Amino acid sequence: MSWITLRTNCARWEAELMQQMLLGHQIPSRIIDLGVAPYFGAGCPTALQVRSQDQWEALLILSPVEEQP
């Protein structure tokens, strides 16, 4: 199974929130820790990955909502 990275350098809580949103649409995902915790308590940088066949659907779900002018 091939995995695609959607986001990098996001905080763990942010990655977990996006993972829950994807789970609500039955899209499997995983969170990868990218290293040691940085300074100022910002948390460990992470990457959010989804299966390659779910890439475009996941990007649509996580993209910002466009507002009508």
C-alpha atoms as a PDB file:
ATOM      1  CA  MET A   1       0.000   0.000   0.000  1.00  0.00           C
ATOM      2  CA  SER A   2       1.372   3.393  -0.985  1.00  0.00           C
ATOM      3  CA  TRP A   3       0.983   6.457   1.272  1.00  0.00           C
ATOM      4  CA  ILE A   4       1.043  10.140   0.214  1.00  0.00           C
ATOM      5  CA  THR A   5       1.963  13.018   2.543  1.00  0.00           C
ATOM      6  CA  LEU A   6      -0.698  15.745   2.641  1.00  0.00           C
ATOM      7  CA  ARG A   7       0.704  18.048   5.323  1.00  0.00           C
ATOM      8  CA  THR A   8       4.057  18.408   7.046  1.00  0.00           C
ATOM      9  CA  ASN A   9       5.287  20.452   9.989  1.00  0.00           C
ATOM     10  CA  CYS A  10       1.862  20.694  11.570  1.00  0.00           C
ATOM     11  CA  ALA A  11       1.424  20.339  15.317  1.00  0.00           C
ATOM     12  CA  ARG A  12       0.302  16.954  16.581  1.00  0.00           C
ATOM     13  CA  TRP A  13      -3.093  18.263  17.732  1.00  0.00           C
ATOM     14  CA  GLU A  14      -3.714  19.717  14.258  1.00  0.00           C
ATOM     15  CA  ALA A  15      -2.770  16.441  12.569  1.00  0.00           C
ATOM     16  CA  GLU A  16      -5.042  14.506  14.943  1.00  0.00           C
ATOM     17  CA  LEU A  17      -7.940  16.856  14.167  1.00  0.00           C
ATOM     18  CA  MET A  18      -7.460  16.382  10.413  1.00  0.00           C
ATOM     19  CA  GLN A  19      -7.179  12.628  10.962  1.00  0.00           C
ATOM     20  CA  GLN A  20     -10.561  12.635  12.761  1.00  0.00           C
ATOM     21  CA  MET A  21     -12.132  14.599   9.889  1.00  0.00           C
ATOM     22  CA  LEU A  22     -10.847  12.026   7.402  1.00  0.00           C
ATOM     23  CA  LEU A  23     -11.985   9.148   9.594  1.00  0.00           C
ATOM     24  CA  GLY A  24     -15.506  10.611   9.482  1.00  0.00           C
ATOM     25  CA  HIS A  25     -15.384  10.028   5.704  1.00  0.00           C
ATOM     26  CA  GLN A  26     -13.900   6.506   6.050  1.00  0.00           C
ATOM     27  CA  ILE A  27     -10.494   7.604   4.739  1.00  0.00           C
ATOM     28  CA  PRO A  28      -7.636   5.852   6.546  1.00  0.00           C
ATOM     29  CA  SER A  29      -4.721   8.066   7.511  1.00  0.00           C
ATOM     30  CA  ARG A  30      -1.628   7.992   9.661  1.00  0.00           C
ATOM     31  CA  ILE A  31       0.459  10.526  11.554  1.00  0.00           C
ATOM     32  CA  ILE A  32       4.248  10.395  11.347  1.00  0.00           C
ATOM     33  CA  ASP A  33       6.473  12.172  13.890  1.00  0.00           C
ATOM     34  CA  LEU A  34       9.193  14.161  12.096  1.00  0.00           C
ATOM     35  CA  GLY A  35      11.655  14.594  14.922  1.00  0.00           C
ATOM     36  CA  VAL A  36      12.253  15.808  18.430  1.00  0.00           C
ATOM     37  CA  ALA A  37      10.040  18.412  20.047  1.00  0.00           C
ATOM     38  CA  PRO A  38      11.113  21.926  19.094  1.00  0.00           C
ATOM     39  CA  TYR A  39      11.600  24.822  21.482  1.00  0.00           C
ATOM     40  CA  PHE A  40       8.856  26.918  23.165  1.00  0.00           C
ATOM     41  CA  GLY A  41       6.558  23.929  23.712  1.00  0.00           C
ATOM     42  CA  ALA A  42       5.150  24.037  20.190  1.00  0.00           C
ATOM     43  CA  GLY A  43       4.966  20.252  20.076  1.00  0.00           C
ATOM     44  CA  CYS A  44       6.601  17.723  17.822  1.00  0.00           C
ATOM     45  CA  PRO A  45       6.303  18.423  14.086  1.00  0.00           C
ATOM     46  CA  THR A  46       4.308  15.755  12.271  1.00  0.00           C
ATOM     47  CA  ALA A  47       3.220  14.685   8.814  1.00  0.00           C
ATOM     48  CA  LEU A  48      -0.270  13.520   7.861  1.00  0.00           C
ATOM     49  CA  GLN A  49      -0.438  10.748   5.268  1.00  0.00           C
ATOM     50  CA  VAL A  50      -3.273   9.056   3.386  1.00  0.00           C
ATOM     51  CA  ARG A  51      -3.367   6.171   0.934  1.00  0.00           C
ATOM     52  CA  SER A  52      -2.514   7.240  -2.607  1.00  0.00           C
ATOM     53  CA  GLN A  53      -5.978   6.312  -3.937  1.00  0.00           C
ATOM     54  CA  ASP A  54      -7.590   8.630  -1.333  1.00  0.00           C
ATOM     55  CA  GLN A  55      -5.335  11.630  -1.998  1.00  0.00           C
ATOM     56  CA  TRP A  56      -7.726  13.860  -3.964  1.00  0.00           C
ATOM     57  CA  GLU A  57     -10.774  13.142  -1.827  1.00  0.00           C
ATOM     58  CA  ALA A  58      -8.749  13.891   1.321  1.00  0.00           C
ATOM     59  CA  LEU A  59      -7.450  17.148  -0.154  1.00  0.00           C
ATOM     60  CA  LEU A  60     -11.012  18.232  -0.962  1.00  0.00           C
ATOM     61  CA  ILE A  61     -12.197  17.419   2.556  1.00  0.00           C
ATOM     62  CA  LEU A  62      -9.318  19.308   4.200  1.00  0.00           C
ATOM     63  CA  SER A  63      -9.332  22.305   1.872  1.00  0.00           C
ATOM     64  CA  PRO A  64     -10.806  25.622   3.060  1.00  0.00           C
ATOM     65  CA  VAL A  65     -14.400  26.404   2.135  1.00  0.00           C
ATOM     66  CA  GLU A  66     -14.673  29.007  -0.625  1.00  0.00           C
ATOM     67  CA  GLU A  67     -16.902  31.931   0.211  1.00  0.00           C
ATOM     68  CA  GLN A  68     -19.241  33.436  -2.379  1.00  0.00           C
ATOM     69  CA  PRO A  69     -18.470  37.144  -3.035  1.00  0.00           C
END
